[in-house]
């Protein structure tokens, strides 16, 4: 994509989504990390449905670290892979308490040590906390960036590097959210709504 076209893309997305932000509901760092871990291969809506009860019962890492596995499973049962995620939430809470004084580690290599935290989750959390500039690539970012011709990578890591190379780091967070929002509302995996897409004229994948 040419420089002028990229500028047009950014301008249009910024007008469509003037306040780009996560659609997960969280009030503090603890809730952010837990919500992002739960959101892996699951919709934000479903996560937001279960976290109020979870956070009411377990308001911090200390409380969650001492929780019974079956109790967590019961609460987050509607979430995909709830059994694995229940174990990860308890174990990561124990690690945060034991090794990081009850606070989310701010170093990329350290946060990756937490159970259930992969590269995308680490990118999302550290980016939202403003620790470093990140450009997490989820299924929406992956799909939309490839349809727009911004990336050709075969996996999320490759697409992440392609996008980072094309845009200034100050734009990464907003671009991440813009592509997610556009992917959810317009450029859907099945039946993209090309006829109502404001960036269709610069999209090489548009359906006539």
N, C-alpha and C. Protein backbone atom coordinates (compact mmCIF):
# COMPACT_ATOMS: atom_id res chain seq x y z
N UNK A 1 0.84 -1.19 0.00
CA UNK A 1 0.00 0.00 0.00
C UNK A 1 0.88 1.25 0.00
N UNK A 2 0.57 2.19 -0.88
CA UNK A 2 1.35 3.41 -1.00
C UNK A 2 1.17 4.31 0.22
N UNK A 3 2.14 5.20 0.42
CA UNK A 3 2.13 6.08 1.59
C UNK A 3 0.85 6.92 1.67
N UNK A 4 0.46 7.49 0.54
CA UNK A 4 -0.74 8.33 0.53
C UNK A 4 -1.99 7.51 0.87
N UNK A 5 -2.02 6.29 0.38
CA UNK A 5 -3.16 5.42 0.66
C UNK A 5 -3.21 5.06 2.14
N UNK A 6 -2.04 4.84 2.74
CA UNK A 6 -1.98 4.55 4.17
C UNK A 6 -2.47 5.74 4.98
N UNK A 7 -2.09 6.92 4.56
CA UNK A 7 -2.53 8.13 5.26
C UNK A 7 -4.05 8.27 5.16
N UNK A 8 -4.59 7.95 4.00
CA UNK A 8 -6.04 7.99 3.81
C UNK A 8 -6.72 6.96 4.71
N UNK A 9 -6.11 5.78 4.79
CA UNK A 9 -6.65 4.72 5.63
C UNK A 9 -6.71 5.16 7.09
N UNK A 10 -5.62 5.72 7.58
CA UNK A 10 -5.56 6.15 8.98
C UNK A 10 -6.57 7.27 9.26
N UNK A 11 -6.69 8.20 8.34
CA UNK A 11 -7.63 9.30 8.52
C UNK A 11 -9.08 8.79 8.59
N UNK A 12 -9.38 7.85 7.69
CA UNK A 12 -10.75 7.31 7.66
C UNK A 12 -11.06 6.51 8.91
N UNK A 13 -10.13 5.66 9.32
CA UNK A 13 -10.35 4.85 10.52
C UNK A 13 -10.48 5.73 11.77
N UNK A 14 -9.70 6.81 11.83
CA UNK A 14 -9.75 7.69 12.99
C UNK A 14 -11.10 8.41 13.08
N UNK A 15 -11.72 8.66 11.93
CA UNK A 15 -13.05 9.29 11.92
C UNK A 15 -14.14 8.28 12.26
N UNK A 16 -13.96 7.05 11.78
CA UNK A 16 -14.95 6.01 12.06
C UNK A 16 -14.96 5.61 13.52
N UNK A 17 -13.76 5.55 14.10
CA UNK A 17 -13.61 5.11 15.49
C UNK A 17 -12.75 6.12 16.24
N UNK A 18 -13.35 7.26 16.60
CA UNK A 18 -12.58 8.37 17.19
C UNK A 18 -12.03 8.10 18.58
N UNK A 19 -12.58 7.13 19.27
CA UNK A 19 -12.08 6.79 20.61
C UNK A 19 -11.76 5.30 20.68
N UNK A 20 -10.70 4.89 19.97
CA UNK A 20 -10.36 3.47 19.92
C UNK A 20 -9.90 2.95 21.27
N UNK A 21 -10.53 1.88 21.71
CA UNK A 21 -10.19 1.31 23.02
C UNK A 21 -10.68 -0.13 23.08
N UNK A 22 -10.16 -0.84 24.04
CA UNK A 22 -10.59 -2.22 24.25
C UNK A 22 -12.06 -2.26 24.61
N UNK A 23 -12.75 -3.30 24.16
CA UNK A 23 -14.16 -3.47 24.52
C UNK A 23 -14.32 -4.40 25.71
N UNK A 24 -13.21 -4.79 26.30
CA UNK A 24 -13.26 -5.53 27.56
C UNK A 24 -13.53 -4.54 28.70
N UNK A 25 -14.28 -4.96 29.68
CA UNK A 25 -14.58 -4.10 30.82
C UNK A 25 -13.62 -4.41 31.97
N UNK A 26 -12.79 -3.44 32.34
CA UNK A 26 -11.86 -3.63 33.45
C UNK A 26 -11.61 -2.29 34.13
N UNK A 27 -11.32 -2.34 35.43
CA UNK A 27 -11.14 -1.13 36.22
C UNK A 27 -9.73 -0.96 36.77
N UNK A 28 -8.93 -2.02 36.70
CA UNK A 28 -7.57 -1.93 37.23
C UNK A 28 -6.68 -2.94 36.53
N UNK A 29 -5.41 -2.97 36.87
CA UNK A 29 -4.44 -3.84 36.21
C UNK A 29 -4.77 -5.32 36.38
N UNK A 30 -5.20 -5.68 37.57
CA UNK A 30 -5.59 -7.07 37.84
C UNK A 30 -6.72 -7.50 36.91
N UNK A 31 -7.76 -6.68 36.83
CA UNK A 31 -8.89 -7.02 35.98
C UNK A 31 -8.51 -7.04 34.50
N UNK A 32 -7.60 -6.16 34.11
CA UNK A 32 -7.12 -6.14 32.73
C UNK A 32 -6.48 -7.47 32.36
N UNK A 33 -5.52 -7.91 33.16
CA UNK A 33 -4.81 -9.15 32.84
C UNK A 33 -5.75 -10.35 32.82
N UNK A 34 -6.60 -10.46 33.82
CA UNK A 34 -7.54 -11.58 33.88
C UNK A 34 -8.47 -11.57 32.67
N UNK A 35 -8.98 -10.41 32.32
CA UNK A 35 -9.90 -10.31 31.18
C UNK A 35 -9.23 -10.68 29.87
N UNK A 36 -8.00 -10.24 29.69
CA UNK A 36 -7.29 -10.55 28.44
C UNK A 36 -6.98 -12.04 28.35
N UNK A 37 -6.60 -12.66 29.46
CA UNK A 37 -6.35 -14.10 29.47
C UNK A 37 -7.64 -14.85 29.10
N UNK A 38 -8.75 -14.41 29.65
CA UNK A 38 -10.03 -15.06 29.35
C UNK A 38 -10.47 -14.85 27.91
N UNK A 39 -10.04 -13.75 27.30
CA UNK A 39 -10.53 -13.39 25.96
C UNK A 39 -9.88 -14.19 24.83
N UNK A 40 -8.83 -14.95 25.14
CA UNK A 40 -8.17 -15.74 24.10
C UNK A 40 -9.17 -16.73 23.49
N UNK A 41 -9.36 -16.64 22.18
CA UNK A 41 -10.29 -17.51 21.46
C UNK A 41 -11.70 -17.45 22.04
N UNK A 42 -12.08 -16.25 22.46
CA UNK A 42 -13.40 -16.04 23.03
C UNK A 42 -13.80 -14.59 22.78
N UNK A 43 -15.08 -14.32 22.68
CA UNK A 43 -15.52 -12.95 22.42
C UNK A 43 -15.44 -12.08 23.67
N UNK A 44 -15.20 -10.80 23.46
CA UNK A 44 -15.15 -9.86 24.58
C UNK A 44 -16.50 -9.83 25.31
N UNK A 45 -17.57 -9.95 24.56
CA UNK A 45 -18.91 -9.91 25.16
C UNK A 45 -19.08 -11.03 26.18
N UNK A 46 -18.65 -12.22 25.80
CA UNK A 46 -18.80 -13.35 26.71
C UNK A 46 -17.93 -13.17 27.95
N UNK A 47 -16.73 -12.61 27.75
CA UNK A 47 -15.84 -12.34 28.88
C UNK A 47 -16.49 -11.33 29.82
N UNK A 48 -17.05 -10.26 29.24
CA UNK A 48 -17.70 -9.22 30.04
C UNK A 48 -18.92 -9.74 30.80
N UNK A 49 -19.51 -10.81 30.30
CA UNK A 49 -20.67 -11.40 30.98
C UNK A 49 -20.27 -12.11 32.28
N UNK A 50 -19.07 -12.69 32.30
CA UNK A 50 -18.69 -13.50 33.46
C UNK A 50 -17.78 -12.76 34.46
N UNK A 51 -17.06 -11.75 34.00
CA UNK A 51 -16.09 -11.12 34.90
C UNK A 51 -16.69 -10.34 36.08
N UNK A 52 -17.87 -9.74 35.96
CA UNK A 52 -18.42 -9.05 37.14
C UNK A 52 -18.53 -9.98 38.35
N UNK A 53 -19.05 -11.18 38.14
CA UNK A 53 -19.18 -12.16 39.23
C UNK A 53 -17.80 -12.61 39.70
N UNK A 54 -16.91 -12.85 38.75
CA UNK A 54 -15.55 -13.30 39.09
C UNK A 54 -14.83 -12.26 39.93
N UNK A 55 -14.88 -11.02 39.50
CA UNK A 55 -14.17 -9.95 40.22
C UNK A 55 -14.82 -9.61 41.56
N UNK A 56 -16.12 -9.84 41.66
CA UNK A 56 -16.80 -9.63 42.93
C UNK A 56 -16.33 -10.65 43.97
N UNK A 57 -16.15 -11.89 43.52
CA UNK A 57 -15.71 -12.96 44.41
C UNK A 57 -14.21 -12.92 44.66
N UNK A 58 -13.46 -12.53 43.63
CA UNK A 58 -11.99 -12.54 43.72
C UNK A 58 -11.47 -11.19 43.18
N UNK A 59 -11.37 -10.18 44.04
CA UNK A 59 -11.05 -8.81 43.62
C UNK A 59 -9.58 -8.52 43.34
N UNK A 60 -8.69 -9.48 43.61
CA UNK A 60 -7.26 -9.22 43.40
C UNK A 60 -6.50 -10.54 43.24
N UNK A 61 -5.21 -10.43 42.95
CA UNK A 61 -4.40 -11.63 42.73
C UNK A 61 -4.33 -12.52 43.97
N UNK A 62 -4.26 -11.89 45.14
CA UNK A 62 -4.17 -12.65 46.39
C UNK A 62 -5.39 -13.54 46.60
N UNK A 63 -6.56 -12.98 46.36
CA UNK A 63 -7.79 -13.73 46.52
C UNK A 63 -7.89 -14.85 45.49
N UNK A 64 -7.53 -14.54 44.25
CA UNK A 64 -7.62 -15.52 43.18
C UNK A 64 -6.61 -16.64 43.36
N UNK A 65 -5.47 -16.32 43.95
CA UNK A 65 -4.42 -17.33 44.17
C UNK A 65 -4.87 -18.41 45.14
N UNK A 66 -5.77 -18.07 46.03
CA UNK A 66 -6.23 -19.04 47.03
C UNK A 66 -7.58 -19.66 46.69
N UNK A 67 -8.06 -19.38 45.48
CA UNK A 67 -9.37 -19.89 45.07
C UNK A 67 -9.34 -21.39 44.80
N UNK A 68 -10.49 -22.03 44.93
CA UNK A 68 -10.63 -23.44 44.58
C UNK A 68 -10.86 -23.54 43.07
N UNK A 69 -10.20 -24.48 42.47
CA UNK A 69 -10.30 -24.64 41.02
C UNK A 69 -11.75 -24.84 40.57
N UNK A 70 -12.49 -25.66 41.28
CA UNK A 70 -13.88 -25.94 40.88
C UNK A 70 -14.75 -24.70 40.97
N UNK A 71 -14.43 -23.80 41.91
CA UNK A 71 -15.22 -22.57 42.05
C UNK A 71 -14.99 -21.64 40.86
N UNK A 72 -13.73 -21.55 40.41
CA UNK A 72 -13.43 -20.72 39.24
C UNK A 72 -14.06 -21.32 37.99
N UNK A 73 -13.96 -22.62 37.86
CA UNK A 73 -14.55 -23.30 36.69
C UNK A 73 -16.04 -23.03 36.61
N UNK A 74 -16.71 -23.03 37.74
CA UNK A 74 -18.15 -22.82 37.77
C UNK A 74 -18.51 -21.41 37.27
N UNK A 75 -17.69 -20.43 37.66
CA UNK A 75 -17.97 -19.04 37.29
C UNK A 75 -17.70 -18.78 35.81
N UNK A 76 -16.56 -19.31 35.32
CA UNK A 76 -16.17 -18.97 33.93
C UNK A 76 -16.53 -20.08 32.94
N UNK A 77 -17.42 -20.96 33.31
CA UNK A 77 -17.80 -22.08 32.45
C UNK A 77 -18.23 -21.68 31.04
N UNK A 78 -18.91 -20.54 30.85
CA UNK A 78 -19.30 -20.14 29.49
C UNK A 78 -18.12 -19.77 28.59
N UNK A 79 -16.96 -19.57 29.18
CA UNK A 79 -15.77 -19.17 28.42
C UNK A 79 -15.13 -20.39 27.74
N UNK A 80 -14.69 -20.20 26.51
CA UNK A 80 -13.98 -21.28 25.81
C UNK A 80 -12.74 -21.71 26.59
N UNK A 81 -12.52 -23.02 26.66
CA UNK A 81 -11.37 -23.60 27.37
C UNK A 81 -11.34 -23.17 28.84
N UNK A 82 -12.51 -23.19 29.45
CA UNK A 82 -12.64 -22.69 30.82
C UNK A 82 -11.83 -23.50 31.84
N UNK A 83 -11.67 -24.79 31.60
CA UNK A 83 -10.89 -25.60 32.54
C UNK A 83 -9.42 -25.19 32.55
N UNK A 84 -8.84 -25.06 31.37
CA UNK A 84 -7.43 -24.66 31.26
C UNK A 84 -7.25 -23.23 31.79
N UNK A 85 -8.17 -22.35 31.43
CA UNK A 85 -8.06 -20.96 31.86
C UNK A 85 -8.22 -20.81 33.38
N UNK A 86 -9.05 -21.66 33.97
CA UNK A 86 -9.22 -21.63 35.42
C UNK A 86 -7.91 -21.96 36.12
N UNK A 87 -7.23 -22.98 35.64
CA UNK A 87 -5.93 -23.36 36.20
C UNK A 87 -4.91 -22.25 36.01
N UNK A 88 -4.91 -21.68 34.81
CA UNK A 88 -3.95 -20.62 34.52
C UNK A 88 -4.16 -19.39 35.39
N UNK A 89 -5.42 -19.02 35.61
CA UNK A 89 -5.71 -17.83 36.42
C UNK A 89 -5.23 -18.00 37.85
N UNK A 90 -5.46 -19.18 38.41
CA UNK A 90 -5.00 -19.44 39.78
C UNK A 90 -3.48 -19.47 39.84
N UNK A 91 -2.87 -20.16 38.90
CA UNK A 91 -1.41 -20.29 38.91
C UNK A 91 -0.69 -18.98 38.60
N UNK A 92 -1.24 -18.19 37.69
CA UNK A 92 -0.59 -16.91 37.41
C UNK A 92 -0.73 -15.97 38.60
N UNK A 93 -1.85 -16.06 39.29
CA UNK A 93 -2.05 -15.24 40.49
C UNK A 93 -1.06 -15.62 41.58
N UNK A 94 -0.83 -16.90 41.74
CA UNK A 94 0.16 -17.37 42.72
C UNK A 94 1.55 -16.86 42.36
N UNK A 95 1.88 -16.88 41.07
CA UNK A 95 3.20 -16.42 40.64
C UNK A 95 3.36 -14.92 40.82
N UNK A 96 2.31 -14.16 40.48
CA UNK A 96 2.37 -12.71 40.66
C UNK A 96 2.58 -12.37 42.13
N UNK A 97 1.90 -13.08 43.00
CA UNK A 97 2.04 -12.84 44.44
C UNK A 97 3.42 -13.24 44.94
N UNK A 98 3.89 -14.41 44.52
CA UNK A 98 5.14 -14.96 45.05
C UNK A 98 6.39 -14.32 44.47
N UNK A 99 6.35 -14.01 43.17
CA UNK A 99 7.56 -13.56 42.49
C UNK A 99 7.57 -12.08 42.11
N UNK A 100 6.38 -11.44 42.09
CA UNK A 100 6.34 -10.05 41.62
C UNK A 100 5.61 -9.13 42.60
N UNK A 101 5.59 -9.51 43.86
CA UNK A 101 5.03 -8.67 44.93
C UNK A 101 3.59 -8.23 44.66
N UNK A 102 2.84 -9.11 44.03
CA UNK A 102 1.43 -8.83 43.80
C UNK A 102 1.14 -7.87 42.67
N UNK A 103 2.15 -7.55 41.86
CA UNK A 103 1.96 -6.61 40.76
C UNK A 103 2.34 -7.27 39.43
N UNK A 104 1.65 -6.86 38.38
CA UNK A 104 1.94 -7.39 37.05
C UNK A 104 3.36 -7.00 36.65
N UNK A 105 4.19 -7.96 36.26
CA UNK A 105 5.55 -7.61 35.81
C UNK A 105 5.50 -6.76 34.55
N UNK A 106 6.36 -5.76 34.48
CA UNK A 106 6.34 -4.82 33.36
C UNK A 106 7.36 -5.16 32.26
N UNK A 107 8.19 -6.16 32.51
CA UNK A 107 9.15 -6.59 31.49
C UNK A 107 8.50 -7.67 30.62
N UNK A 108 8.67 -7.56 29.30
CA UNK A 108 8.03 -8.49 28.38
C UNK A 108 8.41 -9.94 28.68
N UNK A 109 9.69 -10.18 28.93
CA UNK A 109 10.17 -11.54 29.18
C UNK A 109 9.58 -12.10 30.47
N UNK A 110 9.34 -11.22 31.44
CA UNK A 110 8.82 -11.68 32.73
C UNK A 110 7.32 -11.97 32.68
N UNK A 111 6.56 -11.12 32.00
CA UNK A 111 5.12 -11.36 31.93
C UNK A 111 4.81 -12.62 31.12
N UNK A 112 5.70 -12.97 30.20
CA UNK A 112 5.51 -14.20 29.42
C UNK A 112 5.67 -15.45 30.27
N UNK A 113 6.28 -15.32 31.43
CA UNK A 113 6.45 -16.47 32.33
C UNK A 113 5.13 -16.86 33.00
N UNK A 114 4.19 -15.95 33.03
CA UNK A 114 2.92 -16.22 33.71
C UNK A 114 2.10 -17.25 32.93
N UNK A 115 1.54 -18.23 33.63
CA UNK A 115 0.71 -19.25 32.97
C UNK A 115 -0.45 -18.62 32.21
N UNK A 116 -0.64 -19.04 30.97
CA UNK A 116 -1.74 -18.53 30.17
C UNK A 116 -1.45 -17.24 29.44
N UNK A 117 -0.23 -16.72 29.59
CA UNK A 117 0.13 -15.47 28.94
C UNK A 117 1.09 -15.74 27.77
N UNK A 118 0.59 -15.55 26.56
CA UNK A 118 1.41 -15.69 25.37
C UNK A 118 1.79 -14.32 24.83
N UNK A 119 2.37 -14.29 23.66
CA UNK A 119 2.86 -13.04 23.08
C UNK A 119 1.73 -12.01 22.89
N UNK A 120 0.59 -12.46 22.36
CA UNK A 120 -0.49 -11.51 22.11
C UNK A 120 -1.02 -10.93 23.41
N UNK A 121 -1.23 -11.78 24.40
CA UNK A 121 -1.72 -11.32 25.70
C UNK A 121 -0.75 -10.34 26.33
N UNK A 122 0.54 -10.66 26.27
CA UNK A 122 1.57 -9.78 26.83
C UNK A 122 1.56 -8.43 26.11
N UNK A 123 1.43 -8.46 24.79
CA UNK A 123 1.37 -7.23 24.01
C UNK A 123 0.17 -6.37 24.39
N UNK A 124 -0.98 -7.02 24.53
CA UNK A 124 -2.20 -6.28 24.88
C UNK A 124 -2.06 -5.63 26.25
N UNK A 125 -1.63 -6.40 27.24
CA UNK A 125 -1.55 -5.89 28.61
C UNK A 125 -0.52 -4.76 28.73
N UNK A 126 0.68 -4.98 28.23
CA UNK A 126 1.72 -3.96 28.33
C UNK A 126 1.39 -2.72 27.51
N UNK A 127 0.70 -2.93 26.39
CA UNK A 127 0.28 -1.80 25.56
C UNK A 127 -0.78 -0.98 26.24
N UNK A 128 -1.78 -1.65 26.83
CA UNK A 128 -2.85 -0.94 27.53
C UNK A 128 -2.33 -0.22 28.76
N UNK A 129 -1.32 -0.78 29.39
CA UNK A 129 -0.73 -0.14 30.57
C UNK A 129 0.19 1.01 30.19
N UNK A 130 0.50 1.12 28.90
CA UNK A 130 1.37 2.19 28.43
C UNK A 130 2.83 1.97 28.77
N UNK A 131 3.19 0.73 29.03
CA UNK A 131 4.58 0.40 29.38
C UNK A 131 5.48 0.51 28.15
N UNK A 132 5.02 -0.08 27.05
CA UNK A 132 5.75 -0.04 25.79
C UNK A 132 4.74 0.10 24.65
N UNK A 133 5.23 0.52 23.49
CA UNK A 133 4.37 0.55 22.31
C UNK A 133 4.25 -0.88 21.77
N UNK A 134 3.03 -1.35 21.62
CA UNK A 134 2.82 -2.70 21.10
C UNK A 134 1.76 -2.67 20.01
N UNK A 135 1.75 -3.71 19.18
CA UNK A 135 0.74 -3.84 18.14
C UNK A 135 0.28 -5.30 18.13
N UNK A 136 -0.57 -5.66 19.08
CA UNK A 136 -1.04 -7.04 19.16
C UNK A 136 -1.83 -7.43 17.92
N UNK A 137 -1.62 -8.65 17.45
CA UNK A 137 -2.33 -9.14 16.27
C UNK A 137 -3.25 -10.28 16.68
N UNK A 138 -4.54 -10.00 16.70
CA UNK A 138 -5.52 -11.06 16.96
C UNK A 138 -6.13 -11.46 15.63
N UNK A 139 -7.18 -12.25 15.68
CA UNK A 139 -7.78 -12.76 14.44
C UNK A 139 -8.32 -11.63 13.55
N UNK A 140 -8.85 -10.55 14.17
CA UNK A 140 -9.39 -9.44 13.39
C UNK A 140 -8.29 -8.63 12.72
N UNK A 141 -7.26 -8.29 13.49
CA UNK A 141 -6.12 -7.55 12.94
C UNK A 141 -5.47 -8.35 11.81
N UNK A 142 -5.32 -9.64 12.04
CA UNK A 142 -4.71 -10.53 11.04
C UNK A 142 -5.52 -10.51 9.75
N UNK A 143 -6.82 -10.69 9.87
CA UNK A 143 -7.70 -10.77 8.70
C UNK A 143 -7.78 -9.43 7.95
N UNK A 144 -8.05 -8.35 8.66
CA UNK A 144 -8.26 -7.06 8.02
C UNK A 144 -6.99 -6.53 7.38
N UNK A 145 -5.85 -6.68 8.06
CA UNK A 145 -4.59 -6.17 7.50
C UNK A 145 -4.21 -6.92 6.23
N UNK A 146 -4.54 -8.20 6.18
CA UNK A 146 -4.23 -8.97 4.97
C UNK A 146 -5.19 -8.62 3.84
N UNK A 147 -6.44 -8.41 4.15
CA UNK A 147 -7.41 -8.02 3.12
C UNK A 147 -7.06 -6.65 2.54
N UNK A 148 -6.53 -5.78 3.38
CA UNK A 148 -6.16 -4.44 2.91
C UNK A 148 -4.83 -4.42 2.16
N UNK A 149 -4.12 -5.53 2.19
CA UNK A 149 -2.83 -5.59 1.53
C UNK A 149 -1.70 -5.00 2.36
N UNK A 150 -1.94 -4.83 3.66
CA UNK A 150 -0.91 -4.30 4.54
C UNK A 150 0.07 -5.37 4.98
N UNK A 151 -0.34 -6.62 4.88
CA UNK A 151 0.52 -7.72 5.32
C UNK A 151 0.25 -8.97 4.49
N UNK A 152 1.25 -9.83 4.45
CA UNK A 152 1.11 -11.08 3.71
C UNK A 152 1.60 -12.27 4.54
N UNK A 153 1.97 -12.01 5.78
CA UNK A 153 2.51 -13.06 6.65
C UNK A 153 1.55 -14.22 6.85
N UNK A 154 2.12 -15.39 7.12
CA UNK A 154 1.31 -16.59 7.29
C UNK A 154 0.90 -16.81 8.74
N UNK A 155 1.50 -16.04 9.66
CA UNK A 155 1.11 -16.17 11.07
C UNK A 155 1.08 -14.78 11.71
N UNK A 156 0.58 -14.74 12.94
CA UNK A 156 0.40 -13.45 13.62
C UNK A 156 1.72 -12.74 13.89
N UNK A 157 2.77 -13.49 14.19
CA UNK A 157 4.07 -12.86 14.46
C UNK A 157 4.60 -12.14 13.22
N UNK A 158 4.45 -12.78 12.05
CA UNK A 158 4.92 -12.18 10.81
C UNK A 158 4.11 -10.94 10.47
N UNK A 159 2.79 -11.01 10.65
CA UNK A 159 1.94 -9.86 10.36
C UNK A 159 2.26 -8.71 11.32
N UNK A 160 2.51 -9.03 12.57
CA UNK A 160 2.87 -8.00 13.55
C UNK A 160 4.12 -7.23 13.10
N UNK A 161 5.13 -7.96 12.67
CA UNK A 161 6.37 -7.31 12.24
C UNK A 161 6.16 -6.49 10.98
N UNK A 162 5.33 -6.97 10.06
CA UNK A 162 5.04 -6.23 8.84
C UNK A 162 4.34 -4.91 9.15
N UNK A 163 3.37 -4.94 10.04
CA UNK A 163 2.64 -3.73 10.39
C UNK A 163 3.53 -2.74 11.14
N UNK A 164 4.34 -3.24 12.05
CA UNK A 164 5.24 -2.36 12.81
C UNK A 164 6.22 -1.64 11.89
N UNK A 165 6.62 -2.31 10.84
CA UNK A 165 7.61 -1.73 9.92
C UNK A 165 7.01 -0.60 9.08
N UNK A 166 5.68 -0.58 8.97
CA UNK A 166 5.04 0.41 8.10
C UNK A 166 4.48 1.63 8.82
N UNK A 167 4.30 1.51 10.14
CA UNK A 167 3.67 2.60 10.88
C UNK A 167 4.52 2.99 12.08
N UNK A 168 4.51 4.29 12.38
CA UNK A 168 5.25 4.79 13.53
C UNK A 168 4.69 4.16 14.81
N UNK A 169 5.57 3.92 15.76
CA UNK A 169 5.17 3.23 16.99
C UNK A 169 4.08 3.98 17.76
N UNK A 170 4.01 5.29 17.58
CA UNK A 170 2.98 6.08 18.27
C UNK A 170 1.58 5.75 17.76
N UNK A 171 1.49 5.10 16.59
CA UNK A 171 0.20 4.76 15.99
C UNK A 171 -0.23 3.32 16.27
N UNK A 172 0.68 2.52 16.82
CA UNK A 172 0.42 1.09 16.93
C UNK A 172 -0.83 0.76 17.75
N UNK A 173 -0.97 1.39 18.91
CA UNK A 173 -2.10 1.07 19.78
C UNK A 173 -3.42 1.39 19.09
N UNK A 174 -3.52 2.59 18.53
CA UNK A 174 -4.76 2.97 17.85
C UNK A 174 -5.04 2.08 16.65
N UNK A 175 -4.00 1.79 15.87
CA UNK A 175 -4.18 0.94 14.69
C UNK A 175 -4.69 -0.43 15.09
N UNK A 176 -4.14 -0.96 16.16
CA UNK A 176 -4.58 -2.26 16.70
C UNK A 176 -6.08 -2.22 16.97
N UNK A 177 -6.54 -1.20 17.67
CA UNK A 177 -7.96 -1.11 18.01
C UNK A 177 -8.82 -0.79 16.79
N UNK A 178 -8.34 0.06 15.91
CA UNK A 178 -9.10 0.39 14.70
C UNK A 178 -9.37 -0.86 13.86
N UNK A 179 -8.34 -1.66 13.66
CA UNK A 179 -8.50 -2.86 12.83
C UNK A 179 -9.43 -3.88 13.50
N UNK A 180 -9.35 -3.97 14.83
CA UNK A 180 -10.25 -4.87 15.55
C UNK A 180 -11.70 -4.40 15.40
N UNK A 181 -11.93 -3.13 15.66
CA UNK A 181 -13.29 -2.59 15.59
C UNK A 181 -13.86 -2.72 14.19
N UNK A 182 -13.04 -2.43 13.18
CA UNK A 182 -13.52 -2.53 11.80
C UNK A 182 -13.79 -3.99 11.44
N UNK A 183 -12.95 -4.88 11.95
CA UNK A 183 -13.15 -6.30 11.68
C UNK A 183 -14.42 -6.85 12.31
N UNK A 184 -14.77 -6.32 13.48
CA UNK A 184 -15.97 -6.78 14.15
C UNK A 184 -17.25 -6.21 13.55
N UNK A 185 -17.18 -4.96 13.12
CA UNK A 185 -18.38 -4.27 12.66
C UNK A 185 -18.62 -4.35 11.16
N UNK A 186 -17.55 -4.39 10.38
CA UNK A 186 -17.71 -4.31 8.92
C UNK A 186 -16.99 -5.45 8.20
N UNK A 187 -15.68 -5.54 8.40
CA UNK A 187 -14.87 -6.51 7.66
C UNK A 187 -14.86 -7.86 8.37
N UNK A 188 -16.05 -8.45 8.45
CA UNK A 188 -16.24 -9.69 9.19
C UNK A 188 -15.62 -10.89 8.47
N UNK A 189 -15.33 -11.92 9.25
CA UNK A 189 -14.71 -13.12 8.68
C UNK A 189 -15.62 -13.73 7.61
N UNK A 190 -16.89 -13.86 7.96
CA UNK A 190 -17.88 -14.37 7.01
C UNK A 190 -18.75 -13.21 6.55
N UNK A 191 -18.93 -13.10 5.27
CA UNK A 191 -19.80 -12.06 4.70
C UNK A 191 -19.41 -10.64 5.11
N UNK A 192 -18.22 -10.18 4.74
CA UNK A 192 -17.84 -8.80 5.02
C UNK A 192 -18.80 -7.83 4.35
N UNK A 193 -19.13 -6.74 5.04
CA UNK A 193 -20.13 -5.79 4.51
C UNK A 193 -19.42 -4.74 3.67
N UNK A 194 -18.93 -5.17 2.52
CA UNK A 194 -18.16 -4.27 1.66
C UNK A 194 -18.98 -3.08 1.17
N UNK A 195 -20.27 -3.29 0.97
CA UNK A 195 -21.12 -2.22 0.44
C UNK A 195 -21.24 -1.05 1.41
N UNK A 196 -21.03 -1.30 2.70
CA UNK A 196 -21.13 -0.24 3.71
C UNK A 196 -19.77 0.13 4.29
N UNK A 197 -18.71 -0.25 3.59
CA UNK A 197 -17.36 -0.01 4.11
C UNK A 197 -16.80 1.31 3.60
N UNK A 198 -16.37 2.16 4.53
CA UNK A 198 -15.85 3.48 4.18
C UNK A 198 -14.45 3.44 3.57
N UNK A 199 -13.79 2.28 3.65
CA UNK A 199 -12.45 2.18 3.07
C UNK A 199 -12.43 1.21 1.88
N UNK A 200 -13.61 0.93 1.34
CA UNK A 200 -13.70 -0.04 0.24
C UNK A 200 -12.92 0.40 -0.99
N UNK A 201 -12.84 1.70 -1.23
CA UNK A 201 -12.17 2.19 -2.44
C UNK A 201 -10.67 1.92 -2.43
N UNK A 202 -10.09 1.77 -1.26
CA UNK A 202 -8.66 1.50 -1.19
C UNK A 202 -8.37 0.05 -0.79
N UNK A 203 -9.41 -0.76 -0.76
CA UNK A 203 -9.25 -2.17 -0.36
C UNK A 203 -9.17 -3.08 -1.58
N UNK A 204 -8.05 -3.77 -1.79
CA UNK A 204 -7.89 -4.65 -2.94
C UNK A 204 -8.77 -5.92 -2.86
N UNK A 205 -9.33 -6.18 -1.69
CA UNK A 205 -10.13 -7.39 -1.51
C UNK A 205 -11.63 -7.13 -1.53
N UNK A 206 -12.01 -5.91 -1.84
CA UNK A 206 -13.44 -5.57 -1.77
C UNK A 206 -14.26 -6.41 -2.74
N UNK A 207 -15.46 -6.71 -2.31
CA UNK A 207 -16.39 -7.44 -3.17
C UNK A 207 -17.31 -6.43 -3.85
N UNK A 208 -17.42 -6.56 -5.14
CA UNK A 208 -18.25 -5.62 -5.90
C UNK A 208 -19.72 -5.91 -5.73
